[in-house]
Amino acid sequence: MRPEWRTCSEGTRQSPIDLRDGIAVDLAPVQFDYRRTGFRIRDTGNTLQVEVGEGMGIRVRGVRYALERFTLHRPSQDRVGGMAHDMAIYLQHRADDGRMAILSLLLSAGGESNPALQTLWNNLPLDRGREYTPDAVLDLPALLPAEPGHYLYTGSLPMPPCTEDVLWVVMKQPVAISADQLDVFARLYPRNGRPIQPANGRPLLESR
């Protein structure tokens, strides 16, 4: 492992964690400022990374975080009571002071086709390591669950350099996708989730 990545093995607030035994409180809903947007989709070799237009973000606990990009993972890296979901989308945000926040959307297969996810599938890059900027619009709000309940904890980037002090916001209600949509991602990419990391006594808040 590179020396600059030592936090991945030595850090004490790493992600993902098993979301269990949370402190149930009245969490204020996340304020979303997402809209339809153009996008660029890139094959990183083991997942898809999507960059969207500027000006979007979330507000959590009085702080606004601007949306930078998102990635897809199978299965979800997050566990809820030890159970993984079929996929997850991690939307990476950054505040003006440099603090980061990751919004995790859990995806559960077996429902109707998700139109926003299908927009991504319709515009997949045609080779590994390539990117594509289509003449298409991504309906980002269509990826969000209807219910506002969520978990909050302090963690890290789930990939090197594993920077800590990242605010994690994990939405409790899974977003439905079709089995066919899950199969598309499974055909292209192996399982790409990081193993569960020790919680080390960190507080976990959850909406009640």
Protein backbone atom coordinates (compact mmCIF):
# COMPACT_ATOMS: atom_id res chain seq x y z
CA MET A 1 0.00 0.00 0.00
CA ARG A 2 1.28 3.48 -0.82
CA PRO A 3 2.55 5.46 2.19
CA GLU A 4 0.03 8.23 1.49
CA TRP A 5 -2.74 5.65 1.82
CA ARG A 6 -1.78 4.45 5.31
CA THR A 7 -4.97 5.92 6.77
CA CYS A 8 -6.81 3.08 5.03
CA SER A 9 -5.21 0.60 7.46
CA GLU A 10 -4.39 2.83 10.42
CA GLY A 11 -7.45 5.08 10.57
CA THR A 12 -10.03 4.68 13.33
CA ARG A 13 -13.03 6.27 11.60
CA GLN A 14 -13.17 4.32 8.36
CA SER A 15 -16.14 3.52 6.12
CA PRO A 16 -18.26 1.57 5.51
CA ILE A 17 -19.65 0.31 8.82
CA ASP A 18 -22.51 -1.93 9.84
CA LEU A 19 -25.44 0.37 10.64
CA ARG A 20 -26.88 -1.16 13.79
CA ASP A 21 -27.74 -0.08 17.34
CA GLY A 22 -28.13 3.55 16.28
CA ILE A 23 -29.36 6.32 18.58
CA ALA A 24 -32.93 7.06 17.44
CA VAL A 25 -33.57 10.81 17.39
CA ASP A 26 -35.58 13.38 15.43
CA LEU A 27 -33.15 14.20 12.63
CA ALA A 28 -34.03 17.16 10.42
CA PRO A 29 -34.65 16.01 6.83
CA VAL A 30 -31.81 16.42 4.36
CA GLN A 31 -32.50 19.39 2.10
CA PHE A 32 -31.90 18.37 -1.50
CA ASP A 33 -31.05 20.79 -4.27
CA TYR A 34 -30.92 18.29 -7.13
CA ARG A 35 -32.38 18.78 -10.61
CA ARG A 36 -32.24 17.47 -14.15
CA THR A 37 -28.71 17.86 -15.47
CA GLY A 38 -26.28 17.01 -18.21
CA PHE A 39 -23.62 14.51 -17.22
CA ARG A 40 -20.37 12.75 -18.11
CA ILE A 41 -20.07 9.03 -17.39
CA ARG A 42 -16.69 7.30 -17.01
CA ASP A 43 -15.65 3.67 -16.74
CA THR A 44 -12.94 3.53 -14.05
CA GLY A 45 -12.19 -0.15 -14.62
CA ASN A 46 -14.18 -1.41 -11.65
CA THR A 47 -17.19 0.90 -11.53
CA LEU A 48 -18.94 3.85 -13.13
CA GLN A 49 -18.22 7.43 -12.08
CA VAL A 50 -20.68 10.15 -13.06
CA GLU A 51 -19.98 13.88 -13.04
CA VAL A 52 -22.91 16.28 -13.22
CA GLY A 53 -23.55 19.98 -13.72
CA GLU A 54 -22.61 22.59 -11.13
CA GLY A 55 -24.86 24.30 -8.63
CA MET A 56 -26.47 21.24 -7.01
CA GLY A 57 -26.01 19.96 -3.48
CA ILE A 58 -27.47 19.08 -0.10
CA ARG A 59 -27.85 20.87 3.22
CA VAL A 60 -27.26 18.81 6.37
CA ARG A 61 -27.14 20.23 9.90
CA GLY A 62 -26.98 23.77 8.57
CA VAL A 63 -24.08 23.18 6.17
CA ARG A 64 -24.42 23.19 2.39
CA TYR A 65 -22.34 20.65 0.49
CA ALA A 66 -21.95 20.98 -3.28
CA LEU A 67 -22.36 17.81 -5.35
CA GLU A 68 -19.19 16.82 -7.20
CA ARG A 69 -19.73 13.28 -8.56
CA PHE A 70 -21.16 9.89 -7.76
CA THR A 71 -20.15 6.24 -8.11
CA LEU A 72 -22.04 2.94 -8.16
CA HIS A 73 -21.30 -0.18 -6.13
CA ARG A 74 -22.50 -3.80 -6.01
CA PRO A 75 -23.49 -4.85 -3.44
CA SER A 76 -23.94 -1.86 -1.16
CA GLN A 77 -20.87 -1.24 0.95
CA ASP A 78 -23.14 -0.17 3.79
CA ARG A 79 -24.70 -2.93 5.86
CA VAL A 80 -27.96 -2.40 7.75
CA GLY A 81 -28.10 -4.80 10.66
CA GLY A 82 -25.56 -6.97 8.84
CA MET A 83 -27.48 -7.07 5.56
CA ALA A 84 -26.25 -5.60 2.28
CA HIS A 85 -28.54 -4.22 -0.42
CA ASP A 86 -28.17 -5.13 -4.08
CA MET A 87 -26.41 -1.89 -5.02
CA ALA A 88 -25.65 1.57 -3.71
CA ILE A 89 -24.95 4.99 -5.19
CA TYR A 90 -22.49 7.23 -3.37
CA LEU A 91 -22.88 10.94 -4.10
CA GLN A 92 -19.79 12.88 -3.03
CA HIS A 93 -20.20 16.48 -1.86
CA ARG A 94 -17.88 19.19 -0.58
CA ALA A 95 -18.56 22.30 1.53
CA ASP A 96 -16.92 25.67 0.99
CA ASP A 97 -14.49 24.96 3.84
CA GLY A 98 -13.39 21.66 2.27
CA ARG A 99 -15.39 19.32 4.49
CA MET A 100 -16.84 16.35 2.63
CA ALA A 101 -20.17 14.55 2.83
CA ILE A 102 -21.25 11.34 1.11
CA LEU A 103 -24.93 10.62 0.52
CA SER A 104 -25.57 6.88 0.21
CA LEU A 105 -28.61 5.67 -1.72
CA LEU A 106 -29.36 1.98 -1.24
CA LEU A 107 -30.79 0.18 -4.28
CA SER A 108 -33.02 -2.89 -4.10
CA ALA A 109 -33.72 -5.00 -7.21
CA GLY A 110 -37.05 -6.54 -8.08
CA GLY A 111 -39.17 -3.46 -8.64
CA GLU A 112 -39.91 -1.29 -11.65
CA SER A 113 -37.10 0.01 -13.82
CA ASN A 114 -35.65 3.24 -12.40
CA PRO A 115 -35.70 5.90 -15.15
CA ALA A 116 -32.63 7.79 -13.92
CA LEU A 117 -30.55 4.62 -13.68
CA GLN A 118 -31.74 3.59 -17.14
CA THR A 119 -30.47 6.90 -18.52
CA LEU A 120 -27.00 5.91 -17.31
CA TRP A 121 -27.28 2.41 -18.77
CA ASN A 122 -28.39 3.88 -22.12
CA ASN A 123 -25.16 5.90 -22.28
CA LEU A 124 -22.49 3.49 -21.06
CA PRO A 125 -18.93 4.04 -22.33
CA LEU A 126 -17.96 1.56 -25.02
CA ASP A 127 -14.57 0.59 -23.55
CA ARG A 128 -12.72 0.30 -20.25
CA GLY A 129 -11.18 3.53 -19.04
CA ARG A 130 -13.23 5.62 -21.44
CA GLU A 131 -15.75 8.36 -20.72
CA TYR A 132 -18.76 9.64 -22.62
CA THR A 133 -20.67 12.92 -22.48
CA PRO A 134 -24.05 12.20 -24.06
CA ASP A 135 -26.63 14.62 -25.39
CA ALA A 136 -29.01 13.41 -22.68
CA VAL A 137 -30.44 14.68 -19.41
CA LEU A 138 -30.21 12.82 -16.10
CA ASP A 139 -33.23 13.23 -13.81
CA LEU A 140 -31.23 13.19 -10.59
CA PRO A 141 -34.23 13.67 -8.24
CA ALA A 142 -35.68 10.40 -9.61
CA LEU A 143 -32.91 8.56 -7.76
CA LEU A 144 -34.07 9.77 -4.33
CA PRO A 145 -36.33 7.77 -2.01
CA ALA A 146 -39.68 9.19 -0.97
CA GLU A 147 -39.05 8.89 2.77
CA PRO A 148 -36.64 11.32 4.52
CA GLY A 149 -35.35 8.92 7.20
CA HIS A 150 -31.59 8.50 7.30
CA TYR A 151 -28.51 7.56 9.32
CA LEU A 152 -25.68 9.97 10.21
CA TYR A 153 -22.13 9.15 11.24
CA THR A 154 -18.56 10.34 10.76
CA GLY A 155 -16.49 8.12 8.50
CA SER A 156 -14.08 8.23 5.59
CA LEU A 157 -13.78 8.01 1.86
CA PRO A 158 -14.42 4.33 1.05
CA MET A 159 -11.45 4.20 -1.32
CA PRO A 160 -7.81 5.39 -1.11
CA PRO A 161 -6.64 7.70 0.32
CA CYS A 162 -9.45 6.88 2.83
CA THR A 163 -9.54 10.47 4.13
CA GLU A 164 -11.42 10.66 7.44
CA ASP A 165 -13.83 13.24 8.94
CA VAL A 166 -16.30 12.63 6.11
CA LEU A 167 -19.98 13.04 7.02
CA TRP A 168 -21.98 10.01 5.90
CA VAL A 169 -25.70 10.34 5.22
CA VAL A 170 -27.30 6.97 4.47
CA MET A 171 -30.92 7.08 3.38
CA LYS A 172 -32.99 4.39 5.12
CA GLN A 173 -35.55 3.68 2.39
CA PRO A 174 -34.10 1.67 -0.52
CA VAL A 175 -34.69 2.88 -4.08
CA ALA A 176 -36.33 0.27 -6.30
CA ILE A 177 -34.60 -0.84 -9.50
CA SER A 178 -35.40 -3.72 -11.83
CA ALA A 179 -33.64 -7.07 -11.80
CA ASP A 180 -32.59 -6.38 -15.40
CA GLN A 181 -30.89 -3.15 -14.35
CA LEU A 182 -28.96 -5.00 -11.65
CA ASP A 183 -27.94 -7.64 -14.19
CA VAL A 184 -26.48 -4.99 -16.52
CA PHE A 185 -24.11 -3.72 -13.82
CA ALA A 186 -23.24 -7.27 -12.70
CA ARG A 187 -22.24 -8.22 -16.25
CA LEU A 188 -19.85 -5.29 -16.50
CA TYR A 189 -18.26 -5.10 -13.05
CA PRO A 190 -17.26 -7.54 -10.31
CA ARG A 191 -18.33 -7.03 -6.73
CA ASN A 192 -16.69 -3.74 -5.82
CA GLY A 193 -17.54 -3.06 -2.20
CA ARG A 194 -15.01 -2.43 0.57
CA PRO A 195 -15.23 -4.75 3.60
CA ILE A 196 -16.98 -3.50 6.73
CA GLN A 197 -14.71 -1.45 9.00
CA PRO A 198 -14.71 -1.34 12.83
CA ALA A 199 -17.07 1.25 14.30
CA ASN A 200 -14.66 1.92 17.19
CA GLY A 201 -17.41 3.39 19.37
CA ARG A 202 -18.49 6.10 16.94
CA PRO A 203 -21.99 7.49 17.56
CA LEU A 204 -24.54 6.49 14.92
CA LEU A 205 -27.66 8.65 14.74
CA GLU A 206 -30.80 7.47 12.97
CA SER A 207 -34.18 9.00 12.23
CA ARG A 208 -36.99 7.58 14.35
